[in-house]
Amino acid sequence: MSTKKKAEKSQINLRYVVLCVVILVFTVYSVVTLVDLYAQIGEKQSELDKLNAEITIQEIKNEDMNDLYNSSDEEFADYIEQIAREDLDYIRQGERIFVNVAGD
């Protein structure tokens, strides 16, 4: 073989090696990017599930408020009394509350 043919063959081999390295680097980059994207998708899916749960809870609260708004005066008065007794610790006039201080 002549020197010219050896040089051409050497250049072809070098181009082949460079092409293989470029393809390998691109493949590794693509795999790393896909793995990262799948991780991000998982995080966003869990965020979405959490937000959907919060939406459901809020819709239930809205329904309760609408039911209360559309209820009769007697039902509304009962609801107000329940909130006053349970959350605000109010009592009716003349009522006595006994507290067990022994802890039993």
Protein backbone atom coordinates (compact mmCIF):
# COMPACT_ATOMS: atom_id res chain seq x y z
CA MET A 1 0.00 0.00 0.00
CA SER A 2 1.10 3.43 -0.75
CA THR A 3 1.46 6.16 1.82
CA LYS A 4 -1.42 8.07 0.30
CA LYS A 5 -3.81 5.13 0.68
CA LYS A 6 -2.68 4.57 4.27
CA ALA A 7 -3.35 8.21 5.07
CA GLU A 8 -6.81 8.03 3.51
CA LYS A 9 -7.59 4.83 5.41
CA SER A 10 -6.33 6.40 8.61
CA GLN A 11 -8.60 9.42 8.06
CA ILE A 12 -11.59 7.14 7.41
CA ASN A 13 -10.87 5.20 10.63
CA LEU A 14 -10.53 8.47 12.56
CA ARG A 15 -13.86 9.73 11.16
CA TYR A 16 -15.49 6.43 12.10
CA VAL A 17 -14.15 6.65 15.67
CA VAL A 18 -15.26 10.29 16.01
CA LEU A 19 -18.72 9.40 14.68
CA CYS A 20 -19.02 6.51 17.14
CA VAL A 21 -17.97 8.75 20.05
CA VAL A 22 -20.50 11.41 19.03
CA ILE A 23 -23.28 8.82 18.79
CA LEU A 24 -22.30 7.37 22.18
CA VAL A 25 -22.26 10.81 23.84
CA PHE A 26 -25.65 11.66 22.31
CA THR A 27 -27.10 8.35 23.50
CA VAL A 28 -25.83 8.84 27.07
CA TYR A 29 -27.14 12.41 27.10
CA SER A 30 -30.55 11.25 25.87
CA VAL A 31 -30.80 8.53 28.53
CA VAL A 32 -29.82 10.91 31.33
CA THR A 33 -32.33 13.48 30.08
CA LEU A 34 -35.12 10.88 29.90
CA VAL A 35 -34.43 9.64 33.43
CA ASP A 36 -34.52 13.22 34.71
CA LEU A 37 -37.78 13.89 32.88
CA TYR A 38 -39.38 10.75 34.34
CA ALA A 39 -38.36 11.89 37.82
CA GLN A 40 -39.89 15.33 37.20
CA ILE A 41 -43.08 13.73 35.87
CA GLY A 42 -43.35 11.64 39.04
CA GLU A 43 -42.95 14.72 41.24
CA LYS A 44 -45.53 16.68 39.27
CA GLN A 45 -47.94 13.74 39.38
CA SER A 46 -47.73 13.60 43.17
CA GLU A 47 -48.28 17.38 43.30
CA LEU A 48 -51.32 16.98 41.07
CA ASP A 49 -52.73 14.21 43.27
CA LYS A 50 -52.27 16.40 46.35
CA LEU A 51 -53.98 19.36 44.67
CA ASN A 52 -56.86 17.17 43.49
CA ALA A 53 -57.35 15.98 47.07
CA GLU A 54 -57.39 19.58 48.29
CA ILE A 55 -59.91 20.48 45.59
CA THR A 56 -62.15 17.61 46.66
CA ILE A 57 -61.99 18.73 50.29
CA GLN A 58 -62.80 22.31 49.31
CA GLU A 59 -65.73 21.17 47.15
CA ILE A 60 -67.15 19.26 50.12
CA LYS A 61 -66.77 22.34 52.31
CA ASN A 62 -68.50 24.43 49.63
CA GLU A 63 -71.39 21.97 49.50
CA ASP A 64 -71.74 22.15 53.28
CA MET A 65 -71.76 25.93 53.16
CA ASN A 66 -74.37 25.92 50.38
CA ASP A 67 -76.51 23.49 52.37
CA LEU A 68 -76.20 25.76 55.40
CA TYR A 69 -77.04 28.83 53.32
CA ASN A 70 -80.11 27.13 51.87
CA SER A 71 -81.25 25.64 55.20
CA SER A 72 -84.20 26.82 57.26
CA ASP A 73 -83.82 29.21 60.18
CA GLU A 74 -84.21 26.39 62.72
CA GLU A 75 -81.45 24.29 61.11
CA PHE A 76 -79.24 27.38 60.96
CA ALA A 77 -79.86 28.13 64.63
CA ASP A 78 -78.96 24.53 65.53
CA TYR A 79 -75.74 24.81 63.56
CA ILE A 80 -74.81 28.10 65.25
CA GLU A 81 -75.51 26.57 68.67
CA GLN A 82 -73.35 23.54 67.85
CA ILE A 83 -70.43 25.75 66.78
CA ALA A 84 -70.81 27.96 69.87
CA ARG A 85 -70.80 24.97 72.21
CA GLU A 86 -68.04 22.90 70.57
CA ASP A 87 -65.61 25.48 69.25
CA LEU A 88 -66.20 28.52 71.48
CA ASP A 89 -67.13 26.71 74.73
CA TYR A 90 -70.32 28.74 75.19
CA ILE A 91 -73.20 27.58 77.38
CA ARG A 92 -76.86 28.51 77.68
CA GLN A 93 -78.01 30.86 80.37
CA GLY A 94 -78.64 28.93 83.58
CA GLU A 95 -76.65 25.88 82.42
CA ARG A 96 -73.94 24.40 84.60
CA ILE A 97 -70.81 22.78 83.29
CA PHE A 98 -68.95 20.32 85.48
CA VAL A 99 -65.26 19.78 84.83
CA ASN A 100 -63.48 16.70 86.13
CA VAL A 101 -60.26 18.08 87.58
CA ALA A 102 -59.08 14.65 88.73
CA GLY A 103 -58.26 13.71 85.16
CA ASP A 104 -60.12 10.38 85.33
